[in-house]
Structure formats: C-alpha cells, structure tokens
Amino acid sequence: MNTVKISEYSIQENELETEVTIVGKQENDTDLIIKGIQKLMSQIDVKHACNEDHERFNKYIETLLLSVADIVGYEHYYWEQVPDSEKKYNEYDELEVSREEKIKLLKIMVENL
C-alpha cells in the first residue's frame, strides 16, 4: 500500500486549513492522487451532497472545472497566453487570472480532447 499526505496551511497564520491522506494500491504518488481525486469527486452528487440543490451542485462543479484550468494554466498558459489586462498579482505575489480566461482555457482543453 502507498500513502500520500497533502496539507495546506494559511499564509497569514501558518495554521492548518486542510489535510488529505490517500491510501491505495497504486504504485506511484501521481496515480494514487488521481484515484483519490476521482473518488472524492464522485461523492459530490445532487441528491446526497447537495440536498437536491442543483444550483449548489453546479457551483461545486464550476469550482472543480476552474481548478482544472488552473492546474494547466499555471504551467505556462497564464504567463504566455493571457493578456496583462486579464491577470494580476495579489498581496502574496501570486498570479491571479480572470474567470473568463480560465473558461477560455477550459474550452481549448475540451476542443483538444
């Protein structure tokens, strides 16, 4: 069995915000993380996780899709392809990109599937 533990701390207080531990048969960390993500995502459904609230469900799915855009975008796309008017740096010197540009990247990704 393989184990991956991922923790996220707040920048200001350096306090634990989220921690996830994934244990599984996958031989490498990336495969295990992907399997864990798939399992977690499958737990978000309209009936149980969202109490039949379709708007809430759609918001969760939007958040996940924009997160996928960020995974790809921060590799190079955001710096090279996004106009300066659609990006800025926050107080922690982290790049932030407009929602519209994230959606544009998602469309490109889907078209290339």
N, C-alpha and C. Protein backbone atom coordinates (compact mmCIF):
# COMPACT_ATOMS: atom_id res chain seq x y z
N MET A 1 0.84 -1.19 0.00
CA MET A 1 0.00 0.00 0.00
C MET A 1 0.88 1.25 0.00
N ASN A 2 0.40 2.25 -0.69
CA ASN A 2 1.10 3.52 -0.79
C ASN A 2 0.26 4.59 -0.09
N THR A 3 0.92 5.58 0.49
CA THR A 3 0.22 6.66 1.19
C THR A 3 0.76 8.00 0.72
N VAL A 4 -0.17 8.91 0.47
CA VAL A 4 0.17 10.30 0.14
C VAL A 4 -0.58 11.19 1.12
N LYS A 5 0.14 12.12 1.73
CA LYS A 5 -0.48 13.07 2.66
C LYS A 5 -0.22 14.48 2.13
N ILE A 6 -1.30 15.24 1.96
CA ILE A 6 -1.21 16.59 1.42
C ILE A 6 -1.82 17.56 2.42
N SER A 7 -1.07 18.60 2.76
CA SER A 7 -1.53 19.58 3.74
C SER A 7 -1.48 20.97 3.13
N GLU A 8 -2.43 21.81 3.56
CA GLU A 8 -2.45 23.20 3.13
C GLU A 8 -2.54 24.08 4.37
N TYR A 9 -1.65 25.06 4.43
CA TYR A 9 -1.61 25.98 5.57
C TYR A 9 -1.94 27.38 5.11
N SER A 10 -2.56 28.16 5.98
CA SER A 10 -2.84 29.55 5.66
C SER A 10 -1.54 30.33 5.64
N ILE A 11 -1.46 31.27 4.73
CA ILE A 11 -0.24 32.07 4.60
C ILE A 11 -0.07 33.01 5.79
N GLN A 12 -1.16 33.62 6.23
CA GLN A 12 -1.08 34.61 7.29
C GLN A 12 -0.75 33.99 8.66
N GLU A 13 -1.52 33.01 9.06
CA GLU A 13 -1.38 32.46 10.42
C GLU A 13 -0.55 31.18 10.46
N ASN A 14 -0.18 30.65 9.30
CA ASN A 14 0.54 29.39 9.22
C ASN A 14 -0.19 28.29 10.00
N GLU A 15 -1.52 28.29 9.89
CA GLU A 15 -2.34 27.27 10.54
C GLU A 15 -2.84 26.28 9.50
N LEU A 16 -3.01 25.04 9.91
CA LEU A 16 -3.53 24.02 9.02
C LEU A 16 -4.95 24.37 8.59
N GLU A 17 -5.18 24.39 7.27
CA GLU A 17 -6.52 24.64 6.74
C GLU A 17 -7.17 23.35 6.26
N THR A 18 -6.39 22.53 5.57
CA THR A 18 -6.91 21.29 5.01
C THR A 18 -5.80 20.25 4.99
N GLU A 19 -6.18 19.01 5.26
CA GLU A 19 -5.22 17.91 5.16
C GLU A 19 -5.94 16.69 4.60
N VAL A 20 -5.34 16.06 3.61
CA VAL A 20 -5.92 14.89 2.98
C VAL A 20 -4.88 13.78 2.98
N THR A 21 -5.28 12.60 3.38
CA THR A 21 -4.42 11.43 3.32
C THR A 21 -5.11 10.41 2.41
N ILE A 22 -4.36 9.92 1.43
CA ILE A 22 -4.89 8.95 0.49
C ILE A 22 -4.05 7.68 0.60
N VAL A 23 -4.70 6.56 0.78
CA VAL A 23 -4.03 5.27 0.88
C VAL A 23 -4.61 4.37 -0.19
N GLY A 24 -3.75 3.71 -0.96
CA GLY A 24 -4.25 2.82 -2.00
C GLY A 24 -3.19 1.93 -2.57
N LYS A 25 -3.60 1.10 -3.50
CA LYS A 25 -2.72 0.11 -4.11
C LYS A 25 -1.86 0.68 -5.24
N GLN A 26 -2.15 1.88 -5.70
CA GLN A 26 -1.40 2.45 -6.81
C GLN A 26 0.08 2.54 -6.43
N GLU A 27 0.93 2.29 -7.41
CA GLU A 27 2.37 2.19 -7.13
C GLU A 27 3.08 3.54 -7.06
N ASN A 28 2.53 4.57 -7.70
CA ASN A 28 3.21 5.85 -7.62
C ASN A 28 2.25 6.92 -7.09
N ASP A 29 2.82 7.98 -6.58
CA ASP A 29 2.03 9.02 -5.92
C ASP A 29 1.02 9.67 -6.85
N THR A 30 1.41 9.93 -8.09
CA THR A 30 0.50 10.61 -9.02
C THR A 30 -0.73 9.76 -9.30
N ASP A 31 -0.53 8.48 -9.57
CA ASP A 31 -1.68 7.60 -9.80
C ASP A 31 -2.58 7.53 -8.57
N LEU A 32 -1.98 7.52 -7.40
CA LEU A 32 -2.75 7.47 -6.16
C LEU A 32 -3.54 8.77 -5.96
N ILE A 33 -2.92 9.90 -6.24
CA ILE A 33 -3.60 11.19 -6.11
C ILE A 33 -4.78 11.27 -7.08
N ILE A 34 -4.57 10.85 -8.34
CA ILE A 34 -5.65 10.87 -9.33
C ILE A 34 -6.81 9.98 -8.87
N LYS A 35 -6.50 8.79 -8.38
CA LYS A 35 -7.55 7.88 -7.89
C LYS A 35 -8.30 8.53 -6.72
N GLY A 36 -7.57 9.19 -5.82
CA GLY A 36 -8.21 9.87 -4.69
C GLY A 36 -9.11 11.01 -5.14
N ILE A 37 -8.65 11.77 -6.11
CA ILE A 37 -9.46 12.88 -6.64
C ILE A 37 -10.73 12.35 -7.27
N GLN A 38 -10.60 11.29 -8.06
CA GLN A 38 -11.78 10.69 -8.68
C GLN A 38 -12.78 10.22 -7.62
N LYS A 39 -12.28 9.60 -6.58
CA LYS A 39 -13.16 9.11 -5.52
C LYS A 39 -13.85 10.27 -4.81
N LEU A 40 -13.09 11.30 -4.47
CA LEU A 40 -13.68 12.45 -3.80
C LEU A 40 -14.72 13.14 -4.67
N MET A 41 -14.41 13.31 -5.96
CA MET A 41 -15.35 13.97 -6.86
C MET A 41 -16.64 13.16 -7.01
N SER A 42 -16.53 11.85 -6.96
CA SER A 42 -17.72 11.02 -7.12
C SER A 42 -18.66 11.14 -5.91
N GLN A 43 -18.18 11.70 -4.84
CA GLN A 43 -19.00 11.88 -3.64
C GLN A 43 -19.89 13.11 -3.70
N ILE A 44 -19.66 13.97 -4.71
CA ILE A 44 -20.46 15.18 -4.87
C ILE A 44 -21.60 14.87 -5.83
N ASP A 45 -22.78 14.67 -5.29
CA ASP A 45 -23.93 14.43 -6.13
C ASP A 45 -25.07 15.35 -5.69
N VAL A 46 -26.02 15.53 -6.59
CA VAL A 46 -27.12 16.46 -6.32
C VAL A 46 -27.98 15.96 -5.16
N LYS A 47 -28.26 14.69 -5.14
CA LYS A 47 -29.21 14.16 -4.16
C LYS A 47 -28.66 14.19 -2.74
N HIS A 48 -27.49 13.64 -2.51
CA HIS A 48 -26.98 13.49 -1.15
C HIS A 48 -26.12 14.67 -0.70
N ALA A 49 -25.09 14.98 -1.45
CA ALA A 49 -24.16 16.04 -1.02
C ALA A 49 -24.77 17.43 -1.12
N CYS A 50 -25.72 17.60 -2.02
CA CYS A 50 -26.28 18.93 -2.25
C CYS A 50 -27.76 19.04 -1.88
N ASN A 51 -28.32 18.03 -1.28
CA ASN A 51 -29.73 18.05 -0.85
C ASN A 51 -30.66 18.51 -1.96
N GLU A 52 -30.47 17.97 -3.16
CA GLU A 52 -31.30 18.28 -4.33
C GLU A 52 -31.17 19.73 -4.82
N ASP A 53 -30.17 20.45 -4.32
CA ASP A 53 -29.97 21.85 -4.72
C ASP A 53 -29.07 21.88 -5.96
N HIS A 54 -29.69 22.00 -7.12
CA HIS A 54 -28.95 21.97 -8.38
C HIS A 54 -28.03 23.17 -8.54
N GLU A 55 -28.42 24.31 -8.03
CA GLU A 55 -27.57 25.50 -8.12
C GLU A 55 -26.28 25.29 -7.32
N ARG A 56 -26.42 24.75 -6.15
CA ARG A 56 -25.25 24.45 -5.30
C ARG A 56 -24.36 23.41 -5.99
N PHE A 57 -24.96 22.37 -6.55
CA PHE A 57 -24.22 21.34 -7.27
C PHE A 57 -23.44 21.95 -8.44
N ASN A 58 -24.11 22.80 -9.22
CA ASN A 58 -23.46 23.45 -10.37
C ASN A 58 -22.29 24.32 -9.92
N LYS A 59 -22.42 24.98 -8.78
CA LYS A 59 -21.33 25.82 -8.25
C LYS A 59 -20.13 24.95 -7.87
N TYR A 60 -20.39 23.80 -7.25
CA TYR A 60 -19.30 22.88 -6.91
C TYR A 60 -18.57 22.40 -8.17
N ILE A 61 -19.33 22.04 -9.19
CA ILE A 61 -18.73 21.56 -10.42
C ILE A 61 -17.94 22.68 -11.10
N GLU A 62 -18.47 23.89 -11.09
CA GLU A 62 -17.74 25.03 -11.65
C GLU A 62 -16.41 25.23 -10.94
N THR A 63 -16.42 25.13 -9.63
CA THR A 63 -15.19 25.26 -8.85
C THR A 63 -14.17 24.20 -9.25
N LEU A 64 -14.62 22.98 -9.43
CA LEU A 64 -13.71 21.90 -9.83
C LEU A 64 -13.16 22.14 -11.23
N LEU A 65 -14.00 22.56 -12.16
CA LEU A 65 -13.53 22.81 -13.52
C LEU A 65 -12.52 23.96 -13.57
N LEU A 66 -12.79 25.03 -12.82
CA LEU A 66 -11.83 26.14 -12.80
C LEU A 66 -10.52 25.72 -12.14
N SER A 67 -10.58 24.79 -11.21
CA SER A 67 -9.36 24.26 -10.61
C SER A 67 -8.54 23.47 -11.63
N VAL A 68 -9.23 22.73 -12.50
CA VAL A 68 -8.53 22.01 -13.57
C VAL A 68 -7.84 23.01 -14.50
N ALA A 69 -8.52 24.09 -14.83
CA ALA A 69 -7.91 25.12 -15.67
C ALA A 69 -6.65 25.66 -15.01
N ASP A 70 -6.70 25.89 -13.71
CA ASP A 70 -5.53 26.41 -13.00
C ASP A 70 -4.35 25.44 -13.04
N ILE A 71 -4.64 24.15 -12.93
CA ILE A 71 -3.56 23.16 -12.97
C ILE A 71 -2.79 23.28 -14.27
N VAL A 72 -3.51 23.39 -15.37
CA VAL A 72 -2.86 23.51 -16.67
C VAL A 72 -2.34 24.92 -16.88
N GLY A 73 -3.13 25.91 -16.54
CA GLY A 73 -2.78 27.30 -16.81
C GLY A 73 -1.52 27.77 -16.13
N TYR A 74 -1.31 27.37 -14.89
CA TYR A 74 -0.13 27.84 -14.17
C TYR A 74 1.16 27.19 -14.66
N GLU A 75 1.05 26.14 -15.46
CA GLU A 75 2.26 25.52 -16.03
C GLU A 75 2.94 26.46 -17.02
N HIS A 76 2.16 27.15 -17.84
CA HIS A 76 2.74 28.10 -18.79
C HIS A 76 1.70 29.01 -19.42
N TYR A 77 0.49 28.51 -19.63
CA TYR A 77 -0.52 29.23 -20.40
C TYR A 77 -0.82 30.61 -19.84
N TYR A 78 -1.02 30.72 -18.55
CA TYR A 78 -1.39 32.01 -17.96
C TYR A 78 -0.32 33.07 -18.19
N TRP A 79 0.94 32.69 -18.11
CA TRP A 79 2.01 33.67 -18.28
C TRP A 79 2.22 34.04 -19.74
N GLU A 80 2.06 33.07 -20.64
CA GLU A 80 2.39 33.28 -22.04
C GLU A 80 1.20 33.72 -22.90
N GLN A 81 0.00 33.28 -22.58
CA GLN A 81 -1.14 33.48 -23.47
C GLN A 81 -2.18 34.47 -22.98
N VAL A 82 -2.21 34.73 -21.70
CA VAL A 82 -3.25 35.60 -21.13
C VAL A 82 -2.78 37.06 -21.19
N PRO A 83 -3.61 37.95 -21.73
CA PRO A 83 -3.22 39.37 -21.77
C PRO A 83 -3.07 39.94 -20.35
N ASP A 84 -2.19 40.90 -20.22
CA ASP A 84 -1.93 41.52 -18.91
C ASP A 84 -3.20 42.08 -18.28
N SER A 85 -4.12 42.53 -19.10
CA SER A 85 -5.36 43.12 -18.58
C SER A 85 -6.24 42.08 -17.88
N GLU A 86 -5.98 40.79 -18.09
CA GLU A 86 -6.78 39.71 -17.52
C GLU A 86 -6.07 38.98 -16.38
N LYS A 87 -4.95 39.54 -15.92
CA LYS A 87 -4.22 38.90 -14.82
C LYS A 87 -3.61 39.96 -13.92
N LYS A 88 -3.38 39.57 -12.68
CA LYS A 88 -2.77 40.48 -11.70
C LYS A 88 -2.08 39.65 -10.63
N TYR A 89 -1.29 40.29 -9.81
CA TYR A 89 -0.64 39.63 -8.68
C TYR A 89 -1.30 40.11 -7.39
N ASN A 90 -1.60 39.18 -6.51
CA ASN A 90 -2.23 39.54 -5.24
C ASN A 90 -1.18 39.98 -4.23
N GLU A 91 -1.61 40.23 -3.00
CA GLU A 91 -0.70 40.73 -1.96
C GLU A 91 0.37 39.73 -1.57
N TYR A 92 0.21 38.46 -1.96
CA TYR A 92 1.21 37.43 -1.66
C TYR A 92 2.08 37.13 -2.87
N ASP A 93 1.99 38.00 -3.89
CA ASP A 93 2.75 37.89 -5.13
C ASP A 93 2.38 36.63 -5.91
N GLU A 94 1.11 36.22 -5.79
CA GLU A 94 0.60 35.07 -6.54
C GLU A 94 -0.19 35.57 -7.74
N LEU A 95 0.01 34.93 -8.87
CA LEU A 95 -0.70 35.32 -10.08
C LEU A 95 -2.17 34.94 -9.97
N GLU A 96 -3.05 35.89 -10.30
CA GLU A 96 -4.49 35.64 -10.36
C GLU A 96 -4.95 35.95 -11.78
N VAL A 97 -5.79 35.07 -12.31
CA VAL A 97 -6.26 35.19 -13.69
C VAL A 97 -7.78 35.30 -13.67
N SER A 98 -8.32 36.08 -14.59
CA SER A 98 -9.77 36.29 -14.64
C SER A 98 -10.50 34.98 -14.92
N ARG A 99 -11.72 34.94 -14.45
CA ARG A 99 -12.60 33.78 -14.66
C ARG A 99 -12.78 33.53 -16.15
N GLU A 100 -12.92 34.59 -16.93
CA GLU A 100 -13.13 34.48 -18.37
C GLU A 100 -11.96 33.77 -19.05
N GLU A 101 -10.74 34.09 -18.63
CA GLU A 101 -9.57 33.45 -19.23
C GLU A 101 -9.46 31.98 -18.82
N LYS A 102 -9.89 31.68 -17.62
CA LYS A 102 -9.90 30.27 -17.18
C LYS A 102 -10.89 29.47 -18.03
N ILE A 103 -12.06 30.06 -18.29
CA ILE A 103 -13.07 29.40 -19.12
C ILE A 103 -12.56 29.23 -20.55
N LYS A 104 -11.87 30.24 -21.05
CA LYS A 104 -11.29 30.16 -22.40
C LYS A 104 -10.32 28.98 -22.48
N LEU A 105 -9.49 28.81 -21.46
CA LEU A 105 -8.55 27.70 -21.42
C LEU A 105 -9.29 26.37 -21.36
N LEU A 106 -10.34 26.28 -20.55
CA LEU A 106 -11.13 25.05 -20.50
C LEU A 106 -11.70 24.67 -21.85
N LYS A 107 -12.18 25.66 -22.60
CA LYS A 107 -12.73 25.40 -23.93
C LYS A 107 -11.64 24.85 -24.85
N ILE A 108 -10.46 25.40 -24.79
CA ILE A 108 -9.34 24.92 -25.60
C ILE A 108 -9.02 23.48 -25.23
N MET A 109 -9.00 23.20 -23.93
CA MET A 109 -8.68 21.85 -23.46
C MET A 109 -9.71 20.84 -23.96
N VAL A 110 -10.99 21.19 -23.89
CA VAL A 110 -12.05 20.28 -24.35
C VAL A 110 -11.97 20.07 -25.85
N GLU A 111 -11.71 21.13 -26.59
CA GLU A 111 -11.59 21.00 -28.05
C GLU A 111 -10.44 20.09 -28.45
N ASN A 112 -9.41 20.00 -27.62
CA ASN A 112 -8.24 19.18 -27.94
C ASN A 112 -8.33 17.76 -27.40
N LEU A 113 -9.46 17.39 -26.80
CA LEU A 113 -9.60 16.02 -26.31
C LEU A 113 -9.74 15.03 -27.46
